Amino acid sequence: MVYLMIGEKLNVEIEITKIVNYLLKKQCWDYGYLKYSAIRKSLQHITKIKKLYFIRKLFLLMVDRKIFVKKQNPGVRSYLYKFRNPYELHTEEKQITIVF
């Protein structure tokens, strides 16, 4: 069992399952790539945690577990994140140019 907060015990596994169930119910993979700030607001709403440190730690754990897909903005050091659709096939897209 992993705890994030010392004073109030925050069970990370329970919070992550609560977040994933909510995002599955809302079909958040249709939203596309979002900034961290938009995802942070929804995580605060779902978990009722107001401290940004704990929200960020939960989010980074979910990125490490591949719950969110991370994409870098071209020309900028920031990233966009997308909730991964658990129902889609795991295929890779490749573009091939054929010249005759």
PDB file of N, CA and C in Angstrom:
ATOM      1  N   MET A   1       0.841  -1.161   0.000  1.00  0.00           N
ATOM      2  CA  MET A   1       0.000   0.000   0.000  1.00  0.00           C
ATOM      3  C   MET A   1       0.899   1.241   0.000  1.00  0.00           C
ATOM      4  N   VAL A   2       0.678   2.146  -0.926  1.00  0.00           N
ATOM      5  CA  VAL A   2       1.495   3.347  -1.055  1.00  0.00           C
ATOM      6  C   VAL A   2       0.695   4.536  -0.535  1.00  0.00           C
ATOM      7  N   TYR A   3       1.321   5.290   0.355  1.00  0.00           N
ATOM      8  CA  TYR A   3       0.687   6.485   0.896  1.00  0.00           C
ATOM      9  C   TYR A   3       1.449   7.706   0.415  1.00  0.00           C
ATOM     10  N   LEU A   4       0.725   8.751   0.106  1.00  0.00           N
ATOM     11  CA  LEU A   4       1.345   9.963  -0.408  1.00  0.00           C
ATOM     12  C   LEU A   4       1.488  11.026   0.666  1.00  0.00           C
ATOM     13  N   MET A   5       0.501  11.182   1.505  1.00  0.00           N
ATOM     14  CA  MET A   5       0.527  12.212   2.535  1.00  0.00           C
ATOM     15  C   MET A   5       0.861  11.574   3.873  1.00  0.00           C
ATOM     16  N   ILE A   6       1.601  12.296   4.694  1.00  0.00           N
ATOM     17  CA  ILE A   6       2.007  11.759   5.990  1.00  0.00           C
ATOM     18  C   ILE A   6       0.927  12.011   7.036  1.00  0.00           C
ATOM     19  N   GLY A   7       0.476  13.250   7.205  1.00  0.00           N
ATOM     20  CA  GLY A   7      -0.504  13.587   8.232  1.00  0.00           C
ATOM     21  C   GLY A   7      -1.823  12.873   7.993  1.00  0.00           C
ATOM     22  N   GLU A   8      -2.412  13.114   6.854  1.00  0.00           N
ATOM     23  CA  GLU A   8      -3.631  12.411   6.466  1.00  0.00           C
ATOM     24  C   GLU A   8      -3.198  11.329   5.496  1.00  0.00           C
ATOM     25  N   LYS A   9      -3.514  10.101   5.752  1.00  0.00           N
ATOM     26  CA  LYS A   9      -3.075   9.032   4.875  1.00  0.00           C
ATOM     27  C   LYS A   9      -3.904   9.051   3.600  1.00  0.00           C
ATOM     28  N   LEU A  10      -3.225   9.257   2.494  1.00  0.00           N
ATOM     29  CA  LEU A  10      -3.854   9.285   1.183  1.00  0.00           C
ATOM     30  C   LEU A  10      -3.411   8.041   0.438  1.00  0.00           C
ATOM     31  N   ASN A  11      -4.312   7.122   0.223  1.00  0.00           N
ATOM     32  CA  ASN A  11      -3.990   5.897  -0.470  1.00  0.00           C
ATOM     33  C   ASN A  11      -3.962   6.172  -1.963  1.00  0.00           C
ATOM     34  N   VAL A  12      -2.794   6.030  -2.538  1.00  0.00           N
ATOM     35  CA  VAL A  12      -2.590   6.367  -3.950  1.00  0.00           C
ATOM     36  C   VAL A  12      -3.401   5.447  -4.857  1.00  0.00           C
ATOM     37  N   GLU A  13      -3.422   4.176  -4.559  1.00  0.00           N
ATOM     38  CA  GLU A  13      -4.129   3.219  -5.415  1.00  0.00           C
ATOM     39  C   GLU A  13      -5.628   3.514  -5.473  1.00  0.00           C
ATOM     40  N   ILE A  14      -6.210   3.851  -4.343  1.00  0.00           N
ATOM     41  CA  ILE A  14      -7.642   4.171  -4.312  1.00  0.00           C
ATOM     42  C   ILE A  14      -7.919   5.435  -5.118  1.00  0.00           C
ATOM     43  N   GLU A  15      -7.056   6.440  -4.962  1.00  0.00           N
ATOM     44  CA  GLU A  15      -7.249   7.696  -5.693  1.00  0.00           C
ATOM     45  C   GLU A  15      -7.089   7.494  -7.194  1.00  0.00           C
ATOM     46  N   ILE A  16      -6.112   6.700  -7.606  1.00  0.00           N
ATOM     47  CA  ILE A  16      -5.894   6.465  -9.041  1.00  0.00           C
ATOM     48  C   ILE A  16      -7.061   5.682  -9.641  1.00  0.00           C
ATOM     49  N   THR A  17      -7.573   4.689  -8.933  1.00  0.00           N
ATOM     50  CA  THR A  17      -8.726   3.961  -9.471  1.00  0.00           C
ATOM     51  C   THR A  17      -9.961   4.852  -9.532  1.00  0.00           C
ATOM     52  N   LYS A  18     -10.109   5.739  -8.561  1.00  0.00           N
ATOM     53  CA  LYS A  18     -11.232   6.681  -8.587  1.00  0.00           C
ATOM     54  C   LYS A  18     -11.130   7.604  -9.806  1.00  0.00           C
ATOM     55  N   ILE A  19      -9.919   8.089 -10.082  1.00  0.00           N
ATOM     56  CA  ILE A  19      -9.694   8.978 -11.223  1.00  0.00           C
ATOM     57  C   ILE A  19      -9.945   8.247 -12.535  1.00  0.00           C
ATOM     58  N   VAL A  20      -9.394   7.044 -12.663  1.00  0.00           N
ATOM     59  CA  VAL A  20      -9.537   6.285 -13.912  1.00  0.00           C
ATOM     60  C   VAL A  20     -11.001   5.920 -14.163  1.00  0.00           C
ATOM     61  N   ASN A  21     -11.726   5.528 -13.136  1.00  0.00           N
ATOM     62  CA  ASN A  21     -13.144   5.207 -13.310  1.00  0.00           C
ATOM     63  C   ASN A  21     -13.940   6.417 -13.769  1.00  0.00           C
ATOM     64  N   TYR A  22     -13.635   7.576 -13.215  1.00  0.00           N
ATOM     65  CA  TYR A  22     -14.333   8.805 -13.616  1.00  0.00           C
ATOM     66  C   TYR A  22     -14.018   9.156 -15.068  1.00  0.00           C
ATOM     67  N   LEU A  23     -12.730   9.063 -15.442  1.00  0.00           N
ATOM     68  CA  LEU A  23     -12.336   9.404 -16.808  1.00  0.00           C
ATOM     69  C   LEU A  23     -12.896   8.418 -17.828  1.00  0.00           C
ATOM     70  N   LEU A  24     -13.006   7.142 -17.444  1.00  0.00           N
ATOM     71  CA  LEU A  24     -13.633   6.156 -18.327  1.00  0.00           C
ATOM     72  C   LEU A  24     -15.116   6.441 -18.506  1.00  0.00           C
ATOM     73  N   LYS A  25     -15.767   6.823 -17.424  1.00  0.00           N
ATOM     74  CA  LYS A  25     -17.195   7.117 -17.479  1.00  0.00           C
ATOM     75  C   LYS A  25     -17.472   8.320 -18.380  1.00  0.00           C
ATOM     76  N   LYS A  26     -16.598   9.324 -18.332  1.00  0.00           N
ATOM     77  CA  LYS A  26     -16.757  10.530 -19.145  1.00  0.00           C
ATOM     78  C   LYS A  26     -16.182  10.392 -20.554  1.00  0.00           C
ATOM     79  N   GLN A  27     -15.545   9.254 -20.862  1.00  0.00           N
ATOM     80  CA  GLN A  27     -14.907   8.995 -22.163  1.00  0.00           C
ATOM     81  C   GLN A  27     -13.946  10.131 -22.523  1.00  0.00           C
ATOM     82  N   CYS A  28     -13.013  10.387 -21.644  1.00  0.00           N
ATOM     83  CA  CYS A  28     -12.112  11.533 -21.784  1.00  0.00           C
ATOM     84  C   CYS A  28     -11.080  11.368 -22.887  1.00  0.00           C
ATOM     85  N   TRP A  29     -10.955  10.207 -23.483  1.00  0.00           N
ATOM     86  CA  TRP A  29     -10.028  10.051 -24.598  1.00  0.00           C
ATOM     87  C   TRP A  29     -10.518  10.833 -25.819  1.00  0.00           C
ATOM     88  N   ASP A  30     -11.809  11.163 -25.861  1.00  0.00           N
ATOM     89  CA  ASP A  30     -12.343  11.960 -26.968  1.00  0.00           C
ATOM     90  C   ASP A  30     -11.948  13.431 -26.872  1.00  0.00           C
ATOM     91  N   TYR A  31     -11.458  13.873 -25.733  1.00  0.00           N
ATOM     92  CA  TYR A  31     -11.084  15.277 -25.557  1.00  0.00           C
ATOM     93  C   TYR A  31      -9.799  15.620 -26.293  1.00  0.00           C
ATOM     94  N   GLY A  32      -9.014  14.626 -26.648  1.00  0.00           N
ATOM     95  CA  GLY A  32      -7.747  14.879 -27.334  1.00  0.00           C
ATOM     96  C   GLY A  32      -6.653  15.262 -26.349  1.00  0.00           C
ATOM     97  N   TYR A  33      -5.632  15.917 -26.887  1.00  0.00           N
ATOM     98  CA  TYR A  33      -4.492  16.325 -26.058  1.00  0.00           C
ATOM     99  C   TYR A  33      -4.821  17.617 -25.324  1.00  0.00           C
ATOM    100  N   LEU A  34      -4.535  17.638 -24.018  1.00  0.00           N
ATOM    101  CA  LEU A  34      -4.841  18.777 -23.157  1.00  0.00           C
ATOM    102  C   LEU A  34      -3.591  19.227 -22.418  1.00  0.00           C
ATOM    103  N   LYS A  35      -3.597  20.486 -21.974  1.00  0.00           N
ATOM    104  CA  LYS A  35      -2.531  20.990 -21.120  1.00  0.00           C
ATOM    105  C   LYS A  35      -2.670  20.380 -19.728  1.00  0.00           C
ATOM    106  N   TYR A  36      -1.562  20.403 -18.992  1.00  0.00           N
ATOM    107  CA  TYR A  36      -1.590  19.880 -17.632  1.00  0.00           C
ATOM    108  C   TYR A  36      -2.568  20.661 -16.768  1.00  0.00           C
ATOM    109  N   SER A  37      -2.684  21.964 -16.996  1.00  0.00           N
ATOM    110  CA  SER A  37      -3.553  22.789 -16.142  1.00  0.00           C
ATOM    111  C   SER A  37      -5.015  22.359 -16.245  1.00  0.00           C
ATOM    112  N   ALA A  38      -5.462  21.957 -17.422  1.00  0.00           N
ATOM    113  CA  ALA A  38      -6.846  21.489 -17.575  1.00  0.00           C
ATOM    114  C   ALA A  38      -7.040  20.152 -16.884  1.00  0.00           C
ATOM    115  N   ILE A  39      -6.051  19.283 -16.991  1.00  0.00           N
ATOM    116  CA  ILE A  39      -6.132  17.977 -16.337  1.00  0.00           C
ATOM    117  C   ILE A  39      -6.067  18.147 -14.819  1.00  0.00           C
ATOM    118  N   ARG A  40      -5.236  19.079 -14.361  1.00  0.00           N
ATOM    119  CA  ARG A  40      -5.106  19.340 -12.921  1.00  0.00           C
ATOM    120  C   ARG A  40      -6.434  19.763 -12.305  1.00  0.00           C
ATOM    121  N   LYS A  41      -7.164  20.614 -12.999  1.00  0.00           N
ATOM    122  CA  LYS A  41      -8.456  21.064 -12.479  1.00  0.00           C
ATOM    123  C   LYS A  41      -9.447  19.915 -12.363  1.00  0.00           C
ATOM    124  N   SER A  42      -9.444  19.030 -13.343  1.00  0.00           N
ATOM    125  CA  SER A  42     -10.358  17.887 -13.257  1.00  0.00           C
ATOM    126  C   SER A  42      -9.921  16.919 -12.165  1.00  0.00           C
ATOM    127  N   LEU A  43      -8.614  16.739 -11.967  1.00  0.00           N
ATOM    128  CA  LEU A  43      -8.131  15.864 -10.891  1.00  0.00           C
ATOM    129  C   LEU A  43      -8.490  16.435  -9.524  1.00  0.00           C
ATOM    130  N   GLN A  44      -8.421  17.752  -9.385  1.00  0.00           N
ATOM    131  CA  GLN A  44      -8.828  18.365  -8.119  1.00  0.00           C
ATOM    132  C   GLN A  44     -10.314  18.165  -7.877  1.00  0.00           C
ATOM    133  N   HIS A  45     -11.100  18.234  -8.931  1.00  0.00           N
ATOM    134  CA  HIS A  45     -12.542  18.030  -8.796  1.00  0.00           C
ATOM    135  C   HIS A  45     -12.859  16.580  -8.413  1.00  0.00           C
ATOM    136  N   ILE A  46     -12.164  15.642  -9.027  1.00  0.00           N
ATOM    137  CA  ILE A  46     -12.436  14.219  -8.788  1.00  0.00           C
ATOM    138  C   ILE A  46     -12.007  13.801  -7.380  1.00  0.00           C
ATOM    139  N   THR A  47     -10.791  14.183  -6.983  1.00  0.00           N
ATOM    140  CA  THR A  47     -10.230  13.686  -5.725  1.00  0.00           C
ATOM    141  C   THR A  47     -10.555  14.561  -4.520  1.00  0.00           C
ATOM    142  N   LYS A  48     -10.998  15.788  -4.753  1.00  0.00           N
ATOM    143  CA  LYS A  48     -11.276  16.760  -3.677  1.00  0.00           C
ATOM    144  C   LYS A  48     -10.007  17.137  -2.911  1.00  0.00           C
ATOM    145  N   ILE A  49      -8.836  16.966  -3.538  1.00  0.00           N
ATOM    146  CA  ILE A  49      -7.554  17.355  -2.945  1.00  0.00           C
ATOM    147  C   ILE A  49      -7.199  18.726  -3.505  1.00  0.00           C
ATOM    148  N   LYS A  50      -6.887  19.663  -2.635  1.00  0.00           N
ATOM    149  CA  LYS A  50      -6.596  21.030  -3.071  1.00  0.00           C
ATOM    150  C   LYS A  50      -5.101  21.323  -3.185  1.00  0.00           C
ATOM    151  N   LYS A  51      -4.260  20.526  -2.560  1.00  0.00           N
ATOM    152  CA  LYS A  51      -2.817  20.777  -2.594  1.00  0.00           C
ATOM    153  C   LYS A  51      -2.248  20.326  -3.939  1.00  0.00           C
ATOM    154  N   LEU A  52      -1.631  21.280  -4.627  1.00  0.00           N
ATOM    155  CA  LEU A  52      -1.133  21.016  -5.978  1.00  0.00           C
ATOM    156  C   LEU A  52       0.024  20.015  -5.989  1.00  0.00           C
ATOM    157  N   TYR A  53       0.785  19.964  -4.920  1.00  0.00           N
ATOM    158  CA  TYR A  53       1.891  19.015  -4.831  1.00  0.00           C
ATOM    159  C   TYR A  53       1.388  17.580  -4.958  1.00  0.00           C
ATOM    160  N   PHE A  54       0.327  17.245  -4.250  1.00  0.00           N
ATOM    161  CA  PHE A  54      -0.199  15.881  -4.268  1.00  0.00           C
ATOM    162  C   PHE A  54      -0.888  15.574  -5.595  1.00  0.00           C
ATOM    163  N   ILE A  55      -1.551  16.572  -6.174  1.00  0.00           N
ATOM    164  CA  ILE A  55      -2.175  16.382  -7.486  1.00  0.00           C
ATOM    165  C   ILE A  55      -1.105  16.088  -8.532  1.00  0.00           C
ATOM    166  N   ARG A  56      -0.003  16.838  -8.488  1.00  0.00           N
ATOM    167  CA  ARG A  56       1.094  16.637  -9.440  1.00  0.00           C
ATOM    168  C   ARG A  56       1.710  15.251  -9.267  1.00  0.00           C
ATOM    169  N   LYS A  57       1.903  14.815  -8.029  1.00  0.00           N
ATOM    170  CA  LYS A  57       2.471  13.483  -7.784  1.00  0.00           C
ATOM    171  C   LYS A  57       1.549  12.381  -8.308  1.00  0.00           C
ATOM    172  N   LEU A  58       0.247  12.523  -8.077  1.00  0.00           N
ATOM    173  CA  LEU A  58      -0.709  11.544  -8.618  1.00  0.00           C
ATOM    174  C   LEU A  58      -0.654  11.517 -10.142  1.00  0.00           C
ATOM    175  N   PHE A  59      -0.596  12.697 -10.749  1.00  0.00           N
ATOM    176  CA  PHE A  59      -0.560  12.784 -12.204  1.00  0.00           C
ATOM    177  C   PHE A  59       0.713  12.149 -12.760  1.00  0.00           C
ATOM    178  N   LEU A  60       1.848  12.408 -12.133  1.00  0.00           N
ATOM    179  CA  LEU A  60       3.105  11.815 -12.610  1.00  0.00           C
ATOM    180  C   LEU A  60       3.105  10.298 -12.462  1.00  0.00           C
ATOM    181  N   LEU A  61       2.483   9.788 -11.419  1.00  0.00           N
ATOM    182  CA  LEU A  61       2.351   8.335 -11.279  1.00  0.00           C
ATOM    183  C   LEU A  61       1.499   7.753 -12.403  1.00  0.00           C
ATOM    184  N   MET A  62       0.437   8.462 -12.778  1.00  0.00           N
ATOM    185  CA  MET A  62      -0.418   7.974 -13.858  1.00  0.00           C
ATOM    186  C   MET A  62       0.283   8.062 -15.215  1.00  0.00           C
ATOM    187  N   VAL A  63       1.136   9.056 -15.402  1.00  0.00           N
ATOM    188  CA  VAL A  63       1.917   9.138 -16.642  1.00  0.00           C
ATOM    189  C   VAL A  63       2.917   7.992 -16.693  1.00  0.00           C
ATOM    190  N   ASP A  64       3.553   7.684 -15.564  1.00  0.00           N
ATOM    191  CA  ASP A  64       4.498   6.563 -15.508  1.00  0.00           C
ATOM    192  C   ASP A  64       3.814   5.225 -15.775  1.00  0.00           C
ATOM    193  N   ARG A  65       2.563   5.095 -15.360  1.00  0.00           N
ATOM    194  CA  ARG A  65       1.806   3.859 -15.576  1.00  0.00           C
ATOM    195  C   ARG A  65       1.126   3.827 -16.939  1.00  0.00           C
ATOM    196  N   LYS A  66       1.394   4.812 -17.772  1.00  0.00           N
ATOM    197  CA  LYS A  66       0.872   4.905 -19.140  1.00  0.00           C
ATOM    198  C   LYS A  66      -0.645   5.054 -19.186  1.00  0.00           C
ATOM    199  N   ILE A  67      -1.220   5.671 -18.171  1.00  0.00           N
ATOM    200  CA  ILE A  67      -2.645   5.982 -18.193  1.00  0.00           C
ATOM    201  C   ILE A  67      -2.870   7.209 -19.076  1.00  0.00           C
ATOM    202  N   PHE A  68      -1.890   8.115 -19.077  1.00  0.00           N
ATOM    203  CA  PHE A  68      -1.912   9.273 -19.950  1.00  0.00           C
ATOM    204  C   PHE A  68      -0.793   9.158 -20.969  1.00  0.00           C
ATOM    205  N   VAL A  69      -1.061   9.599 -22.204  1.00  0.00           N
ATOM    206  CA  VAL A  69      -0.067   9.620 -23.263  1.00  0.00           C
ATOM    207  C   VAL A  69       0.516  11.029 -23.297  1.00  0.00           C
ATOM    208  N   LYS A  70       1.838  11.108 -23.403  1.00  0.00           N
ATOM    209  CA  LYS A  70       2.532  12.387 -23.348  1.00  0.00           C
ATOM    210  C   LYS A  70       3.070  12.737 -24.731  1.00  0.00           C
ATOM    211  N   LYS A  71       2.841  13.987 -25.167  1.00  0.00           N
ATOM    212  CA  LYS A  71       3.317  14.445 -26.479  1.00  0.00           C
ATOM    213  C   LYS A  71       3.923  15.827 -26.308  1.00  0.00           C
ATOM    214  N   GLN A  72       5.111  16.038 -26.886  1.00  0.00           N
ATOM    215  CA  GLN A  72       5.770  17.335 -26.751  1.00  0.00           C
ATOM    216  C   GLN A  72       5.269  18.293 -27.826  1.00  0.00           C
ATOM    217  N   ASN A  73       5.063  19.546 -27.435  1.00  0.00           N
ATOM    218  CA  ASN A  73       4.678  20.574 -28.390  1.00  0.00           C
ATOM    219  C   ASN A  73       5.859  20.875 -29.305  1.00  0.00           C
ATOM    220  N   PRO A  74       5.616  21.032 -30.599  1.00  0.00           N
ATOM    221  CA  PRO A  74       6.741  21.345 -31.497  1.00  0.00           C
ATOM    222  C   PRO A  74       7.263  22.757 -31.246  1.00  0.00           C
ATOM    223  N   GLY A  75       8.576  22.875 -31.051  1.00  0.00           N
ATOM    224  CA  GLY A  75       9.208  24.168 -30.853  1.00  0.00           C
ATOM    225  C   GLY A  75       9.114  24.729 -29.457  1.00  0.00           C
ATOM    226  N   VAL A  76       8.461  24.034 -28.541  1.00  0.00           N
ATOM    227  CA  VAL A  76       8.268  24.519 -27.172  1.00  0.00           C
ATOM    228  C   VAL A  76       8.684  23.397 -26.216  1.00  0.00           C
ATOM    229  N   ARG A  77       9.050  23.775 -24.990  1.00  0.00           N
ATOM    230  CA  ARG A  77       9.453  22.756 -24.013  1.00  0.00           C
ATOM    231  C   ARG A  77       8.286  22.169 -23.245  1.00  0.00           C
ATOM    232  N   SER A  78       7.064  22.565 -23.543  1.00  0.00           N
ATOM    233  CA  SER A  78       5.913  22.059 -22.800  1.00  0.00           C
ATOM    234  C   SER A  78       5.365  20.789 -23.448  1.00  0.00           C
ATOM    235  N   TYR A  79       4.492  20.106 -22.725  1.00  0.00           N
ATOM    236  CA  TYR A  79       3.905  18.854 -23.176  1.00  0.00           C
ATOM    237  C   TYR A  79       2.387  18.943 -23.164  1.00  0.00           C
ATOM    238  N   LEU A  80       1.768  18.094 -23.959  1.00  0.00           N
ATOM    239  CA  LEU A  80       0.328  17.894 -23.932  1.00  0.00           C
ATOM    240  C   LEU A  80       0.077  16.452 -23.533  1.00  0.00           C
ATOM    241  N   TYR A  81      -1.054  16.212 -22.885  1.00  0.00           N
ATOM    242  CA  TYR A  81      -1.353  14.886 -22.366  1.00  0.00           C
ATOM    243  C   TYR A  81      -2.733  14.455 -22.825  1.00  0.00           C
ATOM    244  N   LYS A  82      -2.877  13.158 -23.060  1.00  0.00           N
ATOM    245  CA  LYS A  82      -4.156  12.593 -23.502  1.00  0.00           C
ATOM    246  C   LYS A  82      -4.438  11.349 -22.682  1.00  0.00           C
ATOM    247  N   PHE A  83      -5.688  11.211 -22.250  1.00  0.00           N
ATOM    248  CA  PHE A  83      -6.100   9.995 -21.548  1.00  0.00           C
ATOM    249  C   PHE A  83      -6.140   8.857 -22.560  1.00  0.00           C
ATOM    250  N   ARG A  84      -5.455   7.772 -22.262  1.00  0.00           N
ATOM    251  CA  ARG A  84      -5.343   6.656 -23.191  1.00  0.00           C
ATOM    252  C   ARG A  84      -6.637   5.857 -23.209  1.00  0.00           C
ATOM    253  N   ASN A  85      -7.132   5.607 -24.420  1.00  0.00           N
ATOM    254  CA  ASN A  85      -8.346   4.814 -24.589  1.00  0.00           C
ATOM    255  C   ASN A  85      -8.014   3.342 -24.333  1.00  0.00           C
ATOM    256  N   PRO A  86      -8.603   2.736 -23.315  1.00  0.00           N
ATOM    257  CA  PRO A  86      -8.277   1.330 -23.027  1.00  0.00           C
ATOM    258  C   PRO A  86      -8.911   0.357 -24.017  1.00  0.00           C
ATOM    259  N   TYR A  87      -9.845   0.828 -24.822  1.00  0.00           N
ATOM    260  CA  TYR A  87     -10.560  -0.057 -25.736  1.00  0.00           C
ATOM    261  C   TYR A  87      -9.979  -0.076 -27.139  1.00  0.00           C
ATOM    262  N   GLU A  88      -9.064   0.847 -27.462  1.00  0.00           N
ATOM    263  CA  GLU A  88      -8.515   0.865 -28.814  1.00  0.00           C
ATOM    264  C   GLU A  88      -7.395  -0.149 -28.946  1.00  0.00           C
ATOM    265  N   LEU A  89      -7.184  -0.590 -30.159  1.00  0.00           N
ATOM    266  CA  LEU A  89      -6.116  -1.541 -30.427  1.00  0.00           C
ATOM    267  C   LEU A  89      -4.778  -0.827 -30.336  1.00  0.00           C
ATOM    268  N   HIS A  90      -3.782  -1.536 -29.902  1.00  0.00           N
ATOM    269  CA  HIS A  90      -2.451  -0.951 -29.768  1.00  0.00           C
ATOM    270  C   HIS A  90      -1.688  -1.161 -31.067  1.00  0.00           C
ATOM    271  N   THR A  91      -1.961  -0.316 -32.050  1.00  0.00           N
ATOM    272  CA  THR A  91      -1.282  -0.397 -33.337  1.00  0.00           C
ATOM    273  C   THR A  91      -0.463   0.862 -33.546  1.00  0.00           C
ATOM    274  N   GLU A  92       0.576   0.726 -34.323  1.00  0.00           N
ATOM    275  CA  GLU A  92       1.421   1.868 -34.635  1.00  0.00           C
ATOM    276  C   GLU A  92       1.081   2.352 -36.032  1.00  0.00           C
ATOM    277  N   GLU A  93       1.029   3.663 -36.168  1.00  0.00           N
ATOM    278  CA  GLU A  93       0.772   4.242 -37.475  1.00  0.00           C
ATOM    279  C   GLU A  93       2.092   4.619 -38.106  1.00  0.00           C
ATOM    280  N   LYS A  94       2.276   4.215 -39.359  1.00  0.00           N
ATOM    281  CA  LYS A  94       3.485   4.576 -40.088  1.00  0.00           C
ATOM    282  C   LYS A  94       3.073   5.083 -41.456  1.00  0.00           C
ATOM    283  N   GLN A  95       3.735   6.138 -41.895  1.00  0.00           N
ATOM    284  CA  GLN A  95       3.471   6.673 -43.214  1.00  0.00           C
ATOM    285  C   GLN A  95       4.542   6.171 -44.154  1.00  0.00           C
ATOM    286  N   ILE A  96       4.115   5.668 -45.299  1.00  0.00           N
ATOM    287  CA  ILE A  96       5.031   5.123 -46.294  1.00  0.00           C
ATOM    288  C   ILE A  96       4.791   5.868 -47.598  1.00  0.00           C
ATOM    289  N   THR A  97       5.863   6.344 -48.190  1.00  0.00           N
ATOM    290  CA  THR A  97       5.776   7.016 -49.478  1.00  0.00           C
ATOM    291  C   THR A  97       6.280   6.060 -50.544  1.00  0.00           C
ATOM    292  N   ILE A  98       5.456   5.819 -51.536  1.00  0.00           N
ATOM    293  CA  ILE A  98       5.816   4.931 -52.633  1.00  0.00           C
ATOM    294  C   ILE A  98       6.010   5.778 -53.885  1.00  0.00           C
ATOM    295  N   VAL A  99       7.194   5.688 -54.474  1.00  0.00           N
ATOM    296  CA  VAL A  99       7.494   6.465 -55.672  1.00  0.00           C
ATOM    297  C   VAL A  99       7.610   5.511 -56.837  1.00  0.00           C
ATOM    298  N   PHE A 100       6.920   5.848 -57.941  1.00  0.00           N
ATOM    299  CA  PHE A 100       6.980   5.005 -59.143  1.00  0.00           C
ATOM    300  C   PHE A 100       7.886   5.620 -60.156  1.00  0.00           C
TER     301      PHE A 100
END
